[in-house]
Amino acid sequence: MLSYYSSLSAEVYDLDKPIGKSFGDVEFYRERLAGNEGRILEPATGTGRLLVPLLEDGLHIEGFDSSSEMLDICRAHCKERGLHPKLFEADMETFRIDVEYDAIILPAGTFQLLAGREQAIKALKNFRKHLAPGGRLLVDLYVPQGFEIDRPRTRTWQTKAGEVITLESKTVEVDWIKQCSVSHNRYEKWQGGKLIQTELERFPMRWYGVEEFKLLLGSQGFEDIIVSSNYEYGQYPKDAQHAVTFEAIAHI
């Protein structure tokens, strides 16, 4: 299996989640970061869905991603709009840059792509290391809504060039003890009724309990943790279908 967010996967992500598309998070992060004059970092920035609107708001935001294909699309979107952010290829657990950020943001559950607990802890330590004293970490998480093992789900998109991309996805593993799942995705691109490109993807995802993740943040030196639900600041979760956002401060 190829790593996730390769060529076709990145193209589908951009078609399905174009620049500025909001799940409530674009408005929420605009509000939480309003007036921030320091540097902001978005790990796993993807194709720039959130990064570009925040740049257009005048925020000094930078981003990185482990997928060069996603970054290529992000750079193209920025260039089209006359934006020139710092973008680089890296992993959440191992990136190193001689900068202290005022905020690090991870919307849309991207942190859950770190399927192993050790990976997650290493990433949190790394975020803490790159935050200035008093800097903020904001992380969105989702709670799983149940799994249908080995039952394929299919979606279809059409490109501007008239090609058709299909995605067949199925959950193949669920570990309730380790709180992680694995899906297998098959992307196919068709043109004039002929298959011209295929891509396979192994897609892991980890989930957390609300209080569990608060404890995890606390164990890595984060304090003053605020939990929000459905992008309503300070609203403790009541509905498992809503995104849960954690905002925490990196103290000395």
Protein backbone atom coordinates (compact mmCIF):
# COMPACT_ATOMS: atom_id res chain seq x y z
CA MET A 1 0.00 0.00 0.00
CA LEU A 2 1.12 3.54 -0.73
CA SER A 3 1.27 6.17 1.98
CA TYR A 4 -1.79 8.39 2.25
CA TYR A 5 -2.35 11.61 0.32
CA SER A 6 -0.40 10.64 -2.77
CA SER A 7 -1.27 11.99 -6.23
CA LEU A 8 -4.91 10.92 -6.72
CA SER A 9 -5.73 11.17 -3.04
CA ALA A 10 -4.48 14.76 -2.93
CA GLU A 11 -6.45 15.62 -6.07
CA VAL A 12 -9.63 14.19 -4.57
CA TYR A 13 -9.05 16.05 -1.32
CA ASP A 14 -8.82 19.32 -3.24
CA LEU A 15 -11.98 18.54 -5.22
CA ASP A 16 -13.94 17.48 -2.15
CA LYS A 17 -12.64 20.12 0.26
CA PRO A 18 -11.81 23.22 -1.80
CA ILE A 19 -10.21 26.38 -0.42
CA GLY A 20 -12.43 27.99 2.20
CA LYS A 21 -14.87 25.09 2.57
CA SER A 22 -15.94 25.19 6.19
CA PHE A 23 -17.33 22.67 8.64
CA GLY A 24 -17.68 25.54 11.08
CA ASP A 25 -13.94 25.48 11.66
CA VAL A 26 -12.92 28.33 9.32
CA GLU A 27 -15.09 30.81 11.24
CA PHE A 28 -14.07 29.34 14.61
CA TYR A 29 -10.34 29.57 13.94
CA ARG A 30 -10.72 33.08 12.53
CA GLU A 31 -12.35 34.11 15.81
CA ARG A 32 -9.86 32.33 18.05
CA LEU A 33 -6.85 33.74 16.16
CA ALA A 34 -8.20 37.25 15.55
CA GLY A 35 -5.67 39.90 16.46
CA ASN A 36 -2.80 37.43 16.66
CA GLU A 37 0.31 39.29 15.47
CA GLY A 38 2.80 36.46 15.92
CA ARG A 39 3.54 33.43 13.80
CA ILE A 40 1.08 30.56 13.48
CA LEU A 41 1.83 27.03 12.28
CA GLU A 42 -0.57 24.55 10.69
CA PRO A 43 0.87 21.02 10.64
CA ALA A 44 -0.70 18.77 7.96
CA THR A 45 -1.86 21.89 6.13
CA GLY A 46 -2.95 19.83 3.13
CA THR A 47 -4.07 21.77 0.06
CA GLY A 48 -4.67 24.98 2.02
CA ARG A 49 -8.40 24.73 2.74
CA LEU A 50 -7.98 26.64 6.01
CA LEU A 51 -4.52 28.12 5.57
CA VAL A 52 -5.45 30.27 2.56
CA PRO A 53 -8.46 32.03 4.19
CA LEU A 54 -6.36 32.78 7.28
CA LEU A 55 -3.57 34.18 5.11
CA GLU A 56 -6.13 36.35 3.34
CA ASP A 57 -7.21 37.62 6.76
CA GLY A 58 -3.67 38.94 7.24
CA LEU A 59 -2.48 36.33 9.72
CA HIS A 60 1.17 35.24 9.61
CA ILE A 61 0.55 31.54 9.14
CA GLU A 62 2.95 28.88 7.86
CA GLY A 63 2.33 25.22 7.13
CA PHE A 64 3.86 21.86 6.48
CA ASP A 65 2.69 18.45 5.30
CA SER A 66 4.19 15.00 4.89
CA SER A 67 2.64 14.79 1.39
CA SER A 68 4.58 16.62 -1.34
CA GLU A 69 1.54 16.23 -3.60
CA MET A 70 -0.69 18.09 -1.14
CA LEU A 71 1.91 20.85 -0.78
CA ASP A 72 2.19 21.25 -4.56
CA ILE A 73 -1.55 21.93 -4.75
CA CYS A 74 -1.37 24.29 -1.76
CA ARG A 75 1.47 26.26 -3.34
CA ALA A 76 -0.51 26.57 -6.58
CA HIS A 77 -3.56 27.93 -4.71
CA CYS A 78 -1.37 30.45 -2.87
CA LYS A 79 0.37 31.57 -6.05
CA GLU A 80 -3.00 32.13 -7.78
CA ARG A 81 -3.94 34.52 -4.97
CA GLY A 82 -0.58 36.31 -4.69
CA LEU A 83 0.17 34.70 -1.33
CA HIS A 84 3.67 33.55 -0.38
CA PRO A 85 3.59 31.62 2.94
CA LYS A 86 6.41 29.46 4.20
CA LEU A 87 5.48 25.87 3.30
CA PHE A 88 7.68 22.82 3.85
CA GLU A 89 7.56 19.03 3.83
CA ALA A 90 7.81 17.41 7.27
CA ASP A 91 6.16 15.07 9.78
CA MET A 92 4.39 16.16 12.96
CA GLU A 93 6.62 14.01 15.16
CA THR A 94 10.00 15.03 13.75
CA PHE A 95 9.83 18.52 12.22
CA ARG A 96 12.53 20.91 13.40
CA ILE A 97 12.54 24.64 12.77
CA ASP A 98 14.26 27.42 14.70
CA VAL A 99 11.05 29.34 15.35
CA GLU A 100 8.73 29.77 18.33
CA TYR A 101 5.09 30.07 17.30
CA ASP A 102 2.30 31.92 19.05
CA ALA A 103 -0.15 29.23 17.97
CA ILE A 104 -0.16 25.78 16.40
CA ILE A 105 -3.46 24.62 14.90
CA LEU A 106 -4.67 21.20 13.76
CA PRO A 107 -8.25 21.42 12.43
CA ALA A 108 -10.42 18.66 10.97
CA GLY A 109 -9.04 15.71 12.93
CA THR A 110 -5.62 15.69 11.27
CA PHE A 111 -3.95 14.79 14.58
CA GLN A 112 -5.86 11.48 14.51
CA LEU A 113 -3.78 10.35 11.52
CA LEU A 114 -1.09 9.54 14.09
CA ALA A 115 -2.35 6.03 14.74
CA GLY A 116 0.16 5.05 17.44
CA ARG A 117 0.16 6.44 20.99
CA GLU A 118 3.94 6.92 20.93
CA GLN A 119 3.61 8.90 17.68
CA ALA A 120 0.96 11.13 19.25
CA ILE A 121 3.03 11.80 22.36
CA LYS A 122 6.12 12.56 20.29
CA ALA A 123 4.13 15.02 18.17
CA LEU A 124 2.71 16.80 21.24
CA LYS A 125 6.21 17.10 22.70
CA ASN A 126 7.36 18.57 19.40
CA PHE A 127 4.50 21.07 19.30
CA ARG A 128 5.28 22.12 22.86
CA LYS A 129 8.94 22.63 21.93
CA HIS A 130 7.99 24.94 19.06
CA LEU A 131 5.50 27.08 20.97
CA ALA A 132 6.53 30.30 22.67
CA PRO A 133 5.73 30.54 26.41
CA GLY A 134 2.02 31.26 26.58
CA GLY A 135 1.54 29.98 23.03
CA ARG A 136 -1.63 28.08 22.18
CA LEU A 137 -2.26 24.64 20.73
CA LEU A 138 -5.66 24.09 19.08
CA VAL A 139 -6.64 20.58 18.04
CA ASP A 140 -9.87 19.23 16.53
CA LEU A 141 -10.83 15.60 17.20
CA TYR A 142 -13.75 13.41 16.14
CA VAL A 143 -15.43 10.48 17.85
CA PRO A 144 -16.14 7.44 15.61
CA GLN A 145 -19.78 6.80 14.76
CA GLY A 146 -19.44 3.04 14.28
CA PHE A 147 -17.75 0.85 11.70
CA GLU A 148 -19.00 -1.43 8.94
CA ILE A 149 -16.16 -3.89 8.44
CA ASP A 150 -15.34 -4.85 4.83
CA ARG A 151 -18.35 -3.01 3.44
CA PRO A 152 -17.16 -0.86 0.50
CA ARG A 153 -18.34 2.72 0.11
CA THR A 154 -17.94 4.44 -3.26
CA ARG A 155 -17.79 8.13 -4.19
CA THR A 156 -17.19 9.88 -7.51
CA TRP A 157 -15.79 13.27 -8.58
CA GLN A 158 -15.34 14.93 -11.97
CA THR A 159 -12.26 17.01 -12.69
CA LYS A 160 -12.18 20.28 -14.64
CA ALA A 161 -10.58 18.31 -17.49
CA GLY A 162 -13.63 16.02 -17.64
CA GLU A 163 -11.95 13.01 -16.07
CA VAL A 164 -13.79 10.92 -13.51
CA ILE A 165 -12.17 9.86 -10.23
CA THR A 166 -13.75 7.12 -8.13
CA LEU A 167 -12.91 6.18 -4.55
CA GLU A 168 -13.79 2.82 -3.05
CA SER A 169 -13.15 2.79 0.69
CA LYS A 170 -13.71 0.10 3.29
CA THR A 171 -12.78 -0.33 6.93
CA VAL A 172 -10.68 -3.48 7.29
CA GLU A 173 -9.46 -3.29 10.90
CA VAL A 174 -10.83 -1.93 14.16
CA ASP A 175 -8.89 -2.26 17.42
CA TRP A 176 -11.16 -1.17 20.25
CA ILE A 177 -8.39 -1.59 22.83
CA LYS A 178 -5.85 0.59 21.02
CA GLN A 179 -8.64 2.87 19.76
CA CYS A 180 -7.68 2.86 16.12
CA SER A 181 -9.06 1.77 12.77
CA VAL A 182 -7.58 1.12 9.33
CA SER A 183 -9.32 1.70 6.01
CA HIS A 184 -8.18 0.59 2.58
CA ASN A 185 -8.86 3.06 -0.22
CA ARG A 186 -8.70 2.48 -3.96
CA TYR A 187 -8.64 5.54 -6.23
CA GLU A 188 -9.20 5.20 -9.98
CA LYS A 189 -9.06 7.93 -12.62
CA TRP A 190 -11.00 7.39 -15.85
CA GLN A 191 -10.90 9.27 -19.14
CA GLY A 192 -13.13 8.43 -22.09
CA GLY A 193 -14.15 5.16 -20.46
CA LYS A 194 -10.52 4.06 -20.01
CA LEU A 195 -8.72 3.60 -16.70
CA ILE A 196 -5.65 5.84 -16.79
CA GLN A 197 -4.46 5.83 -13.15
CA THR A 198 -4.92 3.74 -10.00
CA GLU A 199 -3.77 4.39 -6.46
CA LEU A 200 -4.01 2.30 -3.29
CA GLU A 201 -3.95 3.81 0.17
CA ARG A 202 -3.80 2.46 3.73
CA PHE A 203 -5.56 5.01 5.92
CA PRO A 204 -5.21 4.70 9.73
CA MET A 205 -7.20 6.74 12.23
CA ARG A 206 -7.01 6.94 16.03
CA TRP A 207 -9.67 8.27 18.39
CA TYR A 208 -9.67 9.61 21.96
CA GLY A 209 -12.08 10.20 24.80
CA VAL A 210 -12.51 13.85 25.77
CA GLU A 211 -11.10 13.53 29.28
CA GLU A 212 -8.43 11.13 28.02
CA PHE A 213 -7.09 13.73 25.61
CA LYS A 214 -7.17 16.44 28.28
CA LEU A 215 -4.97 14.22 30.46
CA LEU A 216 -2.66 13.55 27.53
CA LEU A 217 -2.25 17.28 26.92
CA GLY A 218 -1.59 17.88 30.61
CA SER A 219 1.05 15.18 30.72
CA GLN A 220 2.97 16.98 27.96
CA GLY A 221 3.11 20.35 29.68
CA PHE A 222 -0.08 22.01 28.43
CA GLU A 223 -2.34 23.88 30.86
CA ASP A 224 -5.55 25.92 30.99
CA ILE A 225 -7.28 23.47 28.66
CA ILE A 226 -10.58 24.64 27.18
CA VAL A 227 -12.86 22.11 25.45
CA SER A 228 -15.31 23.28 22.79
CA SER A 229 -17.89 21.33 20.79
CA ASN A 230 -19.41 21.95 17.37
CA TYR A 231 -17.17 25.04 17.13
CA GLU A 232 -18.97 26.76 19.99
CA TYR A 233 -16.24 28.03 22.29
CA GLY A 234 -16.31 26.56 25.80
CA GLN A 235 -19.36 24.33 25.07
CA TYR A 236 -18.56 20.90 26.54
CA PRO A 237 -19.52 18.05 24.15
CA LYS A 238 -23.04 16.67 24.36
CA ASP A 239 -23.34 15.13 20.89
CA ALA A 240 -20.82 12.52 19.68
CA GLN A 241 -21.38 13.64 16.08
CA HIS A 242 -19.85 17.06 16.75
CA ALA A 243 -16.20 17.96 16.38
CA VAL A 244 -14.39 18.52 19.68
CA THR A 245 -11.77 21.28 19.84
CA PHE A 246 -9.09 21.45 22.55
CA GLU A 247 -7.30 24.72 23.21
CA ALA A 248 -4.34 24.58 25.58
CA ILE A 249 -1.56 26.92 26.72
CA ALA A 250 2.14 26.09 26.70
CA HIS A 251 3.50 27.50 29.96
CA ILE A 252 7.14 27.74 30.99
